[in-house]
Amino acid sequence: MERLERFLSSLTVAPISYHPDIYRAYATIDAYSQSKHPTLSLPQGVTARNMGKNDVWIAATAYVLRATLVTTDKDFDHLQHFFGLEWVEQ
């Protein structure tokens, strides 16, 4: 429990409540992922997709906070080019 508490206390908490930049990033990433964004197009060979809503929140928060998103979840792969999100291979 002590190790867990030390680890948790080292994390930065980033609340998203009432954060207009995160809301805008959410809308942008969601539209981009579904290939419905008016000015951003998916890279050649990448098909539109519905991301899980929690994944969109995670991506939007990381983008706005300029945080590195470390994940092995391939659902974020298509965001690398325009949103600068990073992931690691499993």
N, C-alpha and C. Protein backbone atom coordinates (compact mmCIF):
# COMPACT_ATOMS: atom_id res chain seq x y z
N MET A 1 0.83 -1.19 0.00
CA MET A 1 0.00 0.00 0.00
C MET A 1 0.87 1.25 0.00
N GLU A 2 1.98 1.22 0.73
CA GLU A 2 2.85 2.39 0.76
C GLU A 2 3.43 2.69 -0.62
N ARG A 3 3.85 1.62 -1.32
CA ARG A 3 4.38 1.81 -2.67
C ARG A 3 3.33 2.40 -3.60
N LEU A 4 2.12 1.89 -3.50
CA LEU A 4 1.03 2.39 -4.32
C LEU A 4 0.75 3.86 -3.99
N GLU A 5 0.71 4.19 -2.73
CA GLU A 5 0.45 5.57 -2.32
C GLU A 5 1.55 6.51 -2.81
N ARG A 6 2.81 6.07 -2.74
CA ARG A 6 3.91 6.90 -3.24
C ARG A 6 3.76 7.12 -4.75
N PHE A 7 3.43 6.05 -5.46
CA PHE A 7 3.25 6.17 -6.89
C PHE A 7 2.10 7.13 -7.22
N LEU A 8 0.97 6.95 -6.58
CA LEU A 8 -0.19 7.80 -6.85
C LEU A 8 0.09 9.26 -6.51
N SER A 9 0.85 9.49 -5.46
CA SER A 9 1.14 10.88 -5.08
C SER A 9 2.11 11.54 -6.07
N SER A 10 2.80 10.75 -6.89
CA SER A 10 3.73 11.32 -7.87
C SER A 10 3.02 11.72 -9.17
N LEU A 11 1.78 11.30 -9.33
CA LEU A 11 1.04 11.59 -10.57
C LEU A 11 0.49 13.01 -10.56
N THR A 12 0.38 13.57 -11.74
CA THR A 12 -0.25 14.87 -11.89
C THR A 12 -1.70 14.65 -12.28
N VAL A 13 -2.60 15.24 -11.55
CA VAL A 13 -4.03 15.13 -11.84
C VAL A 13 -4.41 16.30 -12.73
N ALA A 14 -5.05 15.99 -13.83
CA ALA A 14 -5.45 17.01 -14.80
C ALA A 14 -6.96 16.97 -14.97
N PRO A 15 -7.71 17.71 -14.16
CA PRO A 15 -9.16 17.69 -14.30
C PRO A 15 -9.59 18.31 -15.62
N ILE A 16 -10.59 17.72 -16.24
CA ILE A 16 -11.05 18.24 -17.54
C ILE A 16 -12.36 19.01 -17.42
N SER A 17 -12.91 19.10 -16.24
CA SER A 17 -14.18 19.80 -16.06
C SER A 17 -14.06 21.25 -16.53
N TYR A 18 -14.98 21.65 -17.37
CA TYR A 18 -15.06 23.04 -17.82
C TYR A 18 -13.76 23.54 -18.42
N HIS A 19 -13.13 22.74 -19.22
CA HIS A 19 -11.89 23.14 -19.89
C HIS A 19 -12.20 23.25 -21.38
N PRO A 20 -12.49 24.45 -21.87
CA PRO A 20 -12.95 24.60 -23.25
C PRO A 20 -11.95 24.09 -24.29
N ASP A 21 -10.65 24.19 -24.03
CA ASP A 21 -9.67 23.70 -25.00
C ASP A 21 -9.76 22.18 -25.17
N ILE A 22 -10.00 21.49 -24.07
CA ILE A 22 -10.15 20.03 -24.15
C ILE A 22 -11.44 19.67 -24.87
N TYR A 23 -12.50 20.42 -24.62
CA TYR A 23 -13.76 20.16 -25.33
C TYR A 23 -13.58 20.35 -26.83
N ARG A 24 -12.88 21.43 -27.22
CA ARG A 24 -12.64 21.68 -28.65
C ARG A 24 -11.77 20.58 -29.25
N ALA A 25 -10.73 20.18 -28.52
CA ALA A 25 -9.86 19.10 -29.01
C ALA A 25 -10.65 17.80 -29.15
N TYR A 26 -11.55 17.54 -28.21
CA TYR A 26 -12.40 16.35 -28.28
C TYR A 26 -13.20 16.36 -29.59
N ALA A 27 -13.84 17.48 -29.87
CA ALA A 27 -14.67 17.58 -31.08
C ALA A 27 -13.81 17.43 -32.34
N THR A 28 -12.63 18.04 -32.33
CA THR A 28 -11.73 17.96 -33.48
C THR A 28 -11.26 16.52 -33.72
N ILE A 29 -10.81 15.87 -32.66
CA ILE A 29 -10.29 14.50 -32.78
C ILE A 29 -11.40 13.54 -33.19
N ASP A 30 -12.58 13.71 -32.61
CA ASP A 30 -13.71 12.83 -32.96
C ASP A 30 -14.09 13.00 -34.43
N ALA A 31 -14.20 14.24 -34.89
CA ALA A 31 -14.55 14.49 -36.30
C ALA A 31 -13.46 13.98 -37.22
N TYR A 32 -12.21 14.21 -36.88
CA TYR A 32 -11.07 13.74 -37.67
C TYR A 32 -11.09 12.22 -37.78
N SER A 33 -11.31 11.55 -36.66
CA SER A 33 -11.30 10.08 -36.64
C SER A 33 -12.39 9.49 -37.52
N GLN A 34 -13.52 10.19 -37.58
CA GLN A 34 -14.64 9.71 -38.40
C GLN A 34 -14.59 10.24 -39.82
N SER A 35 -13.48 10.92 -40.15
CA SER A 35 -13.29 11.52 -41.48
C SER A 35 -14.39 12.52 -41.81
N LYS A 36 -14.82 13.27 -40.78
CA LYS A 36 -15.86 14.29 -40.98
C LYS A 36 -15.35 15.69 -40.65
N HIS A 37 -14.04 15.83 -40.46
CA HIS A 37 -13.50 17.15 -40.14
C HIS A 37 -13.45 17.98 -41.43
N PRO A 38 -13.84 19.25 -41.36
CA PRO A 38 -13.91 20.05 -42.58
C PRO A 38 -12.56 20.38 -43.22
N THR A 39 -11.46 20.36 -42.45
CA THR A 39 -10.17 20.76 -43.02
C THR A 39 -9.06 19.73 -42.84
N LEU A 40 -9.20 18.76 -41.95
CA LEU A 40 -8.17 17.75 -41.72
C LEU A 40 -8.61 16.43 -42.32
N SER A 41 -7.73 15.84 -43.10
CA SER A 41 -8.04 14.55 -43.72
C SER A 41 -7.16 13.46 -43.13
N LEU A 42 -7.71 12.28 -43.04
CA LEU A 42 -6.93 11.13 -42.58
C LEU A 42 -5.84 10.82 -43.61
N PRO A 43 -4.71 10.29 -43.15
CA PRO A 43 -3.65 9.93 -44.10
C PRO A 43 -4.13 8.88 -45.09
N GLN A 44 -3.52 8.86 -46.26
CA GLN A 44 -3.85 7.87 -47.29
C GLN A 44 -3.75 6.47 -46.71
N GLY A 45 -4.75 5.65 -46.96
CA GLY A 45 -4.76 4.27 -46.50
C GLY A 45 -5.35 4.08 -45.11
N VAL A 46 -5.65 5.18 -44.43
CA VAL A 46 -6.27 5.08 -43.09
C VAL A 46 -7.76 5.29 -43.25
N THR A 47 -8.55 4.37 -42.72
CA THR A 47 -9.99 4.47 -42.86
C THR A 47 -10.61 5.14 -41.63
N ALA A 48 -11.76 5.73 -41.85
CA ALA A 48 -12.49 6.38 -40.76
C ALA A 48 -12.85 5.35 -39.70
N ARG A 49 -12.94 5.81 -38.48
CA ARG A 49 -13.27 4.90 -37.38
C ARG A 49 -13.99 5.67 -36.27
N ASN A 50 -14.78 4.95 -35.53
CA ASN A 50 -15.40 5.49 -34.32
C ASN A 50 -14.51 5.08 -33.16
N MET A 51 -13.85 6.04 -32.56
CA MET A 51 -13.05 5.75 -31.38
C MET A 51 -13.98 5.65 -30.18
N GLY A 52 -13.59 4.88 -29.20
CA GLY A 52 -14.34 4.85 -27.96
C GLY A 52 -14.31 6.25 -27.34
N LYS A 53 -15.41 6.66 -26.78
CA LYS A 53 -15.50 8.03 -26.25
C LYS A 53 -14.46 8.30 -25.16
N ASN A 54 -14.16 7.32 -24.34
CA ASN A 54 -13.12 7.52 -23.33
C ASN A 54 -11.76 7.70 -23.98
N ASP A 55 -11.50 6.99 -25.08
CA ASP A 55 -10.24 7.16 -25.80
C ASP A 55 -10.12 8.57 -26.37
N VAL A 56 -11.23 9.11 -26.86
CA VAL A 56 -11.20 10.48 -27.39
C VAL A 56 -10.89 11.47 -26.27
N TRP A 57 -11.50 11.28 -25.10
CA TRP A 57 -11.20 12.16 -23.95
C TRP A 57 -9.73 12.08 -23.58
N ILE A 58 -9.19 10.88 -23.56
CA ILE A 58 -7.77 10.69 -23.22
C ILE A 58 -6.89 11.40 -24.24
N ALA A 59 -7.16 11.20 -25.52
CA ALA A 59 -6.37 11.84 -26.57
C ALA A 59 -6.48 13.36 -26.51
N ALA A 60 -7.67 13.87 -26.32
CA ALA A 60 -7.88 15.32 -26.26
C ALA A 60 -7.15 15.93 -25.07
N THR A 61 -7.21 15.28 -23.94
CA THR A 61 -6.54 15.79 -22.74
C THR A 61 -5.02 15.79 -22.94
N ALA A 62 -4.49 14.70 -23.46
CA ALA A 62 -3.04 14.62 -23.71
C ALA A 62 -2.61 15.69 -24.71
N TYR A 63 -3.40 15.89 -25.75
CA TYR A 63 -3.07 16.88 -26.77
C TYR A 63 -3.01 18.29 -26.17
N VAL A 64 -4.05 18.66 -25.44
CA VAL A 64 -4.12 20.02 -24.89
C VAL A 64 -3.03 20.25 -23.84
N LEU A 65 -2.77 19.25 -23.03
CA LEU A 65 -1.75 19.39 -21.98
C LEU A 65 -0.34 19.15 -22.50
N ARG A 66 -0.23 18.83 -23.80
CA ARG A 66 1.06 18.52 -24.41
C ARG A 66 1.78 17.40 -23.66
N ALA A 67 0.98 16.45 -23.22
CA ALA A 67 1.50 15.29 -22.50
C ALA A 67 1.78 14.18 -23.50
N THR A 68 2.73 13.34 -23.18
CA THR A 68 2.98 12.17 -24.00
C THR A 68 2.02 11.08 -23.59
N LEU A 69 1.24 10.61 -24.53
CA LEU A 69 0.31 9.52 -24.29
C LEU A 69 1.03 8.23 -24.58
N VAL A 70 1.28 7.44 -23.56
CA VAL A 70 1.97 6.17 -23.72
C VAL A 70 0.92 5.07 -23.65
N THR A 71 0.77 4.37 -24.76
CA THR A 71 -0.24 3.33 -24.84
C THR A 71 0.19 2.25 -25.82
N THR A 72 -0.34 1.08 -25.65
CA THR A 72 -0.15 0.02 -26.63
C THR A 72 -1.43 -0.18 -27.44
N ASP A 73 -2.40 0.68 -27.22
CA ASP A 73 -3.70 0.61 -27.88
C ASP A 73 -3.60 1.18 -29.29
N LYS A 74 -3.79 0.36 -30.28
CA LYS A 74 -3.69 0.78 -31.68
C LYS A 74 -4.80 1.74 -32.09
N ASP A 75 -5.81 1.93 -31.25
CA ASP A 75 -6.89 2.86 -31.58
C ASP A 75 -6.40 4.30 -31.71
N PHE A 76 -5.19 4.58 -31.19
CA PHE A 76 -4.65 5.93 -31.23
C PHE A 76 -3.69 6.15 -32.41
N ASP A 77 -3.35 5.10 -33.14
CA ASP A 77 -2.33 5.18 -34.19
C ASP A 77 -2.59 6.30 -35.20
N HIS A 78 -3.81 6.45 -35.64
CA HIS A 78 -4.12 7.41 -36.69
C HIS A 78 -3.99 8.86 -36.24
N LEU A 79 -3.83 9.09 -34.95
CA LEU A 79 -3.73 10.46 -34.43
C LEU A 79 -2.30 10.98 -34.42
N GLN A 80 -1.37 10.12 -34.64
CA GLN A 80 0.04 10.49 -34.54
C GLN A 80 0.40 11.65 -35.47
N HIS A 81 -0.05 11.64 -36.70
CA HIS A 81 0.39 12.61 -37.69
C HIS A 81 -0.05 14.04 -37.39
N PHE A 82 -1.29 14.22 -37.03
CA PHE A 82 -1.79 15.58 -36.81
C PHE A 82 -1.76 16.01 -35.35
N PHE A 83 -1.78 15.07 -34.45
CA PHE A 83 -1.92 15.44 -33.05
C PHE A 83 -0.68 15.15 -32.23
N GLY A 84 0.34 14.55 -32.83
CA GLY A 84 1.61 14.35 -32.15
C GLY A 84 1.57 13.41 -30.97
N LEU A 85 0.60 12.53 -30.92
CA LEU A 85 0.52 11.59 -29.82
C LEU A 85 1.44 10.42 -30.09
N GLU A 86 2.08 9.92 -29.06
CA GLU A 86 3.03 8.81 -29.19
C GLU A 86 2.51 7.59 -28.48
N TRP A 87 2.98 6.43 -28.92
CA TRP A 87 2.62 5.18 -28.27
C TRP A 87 3.83 4.27 -28.31
N VAL A 88 3.75 3.19 -27.61
CA VAL A 88 4.83 2.21 -27.61
C VAL A 88 4.31 0.88 -28.14
N GLU A 89 5.19 0.16 -28.79
CA GLU A 89 4.82 -1.17 -29.26
C GLU A 89 4.86 -2.14 -28.09
N GLN A 90 3.99 -3.10 -28.10
CA GLN A 90 3.96 -4.08 -27.03
C GLN A 90 5.08 -5.06 -27.18
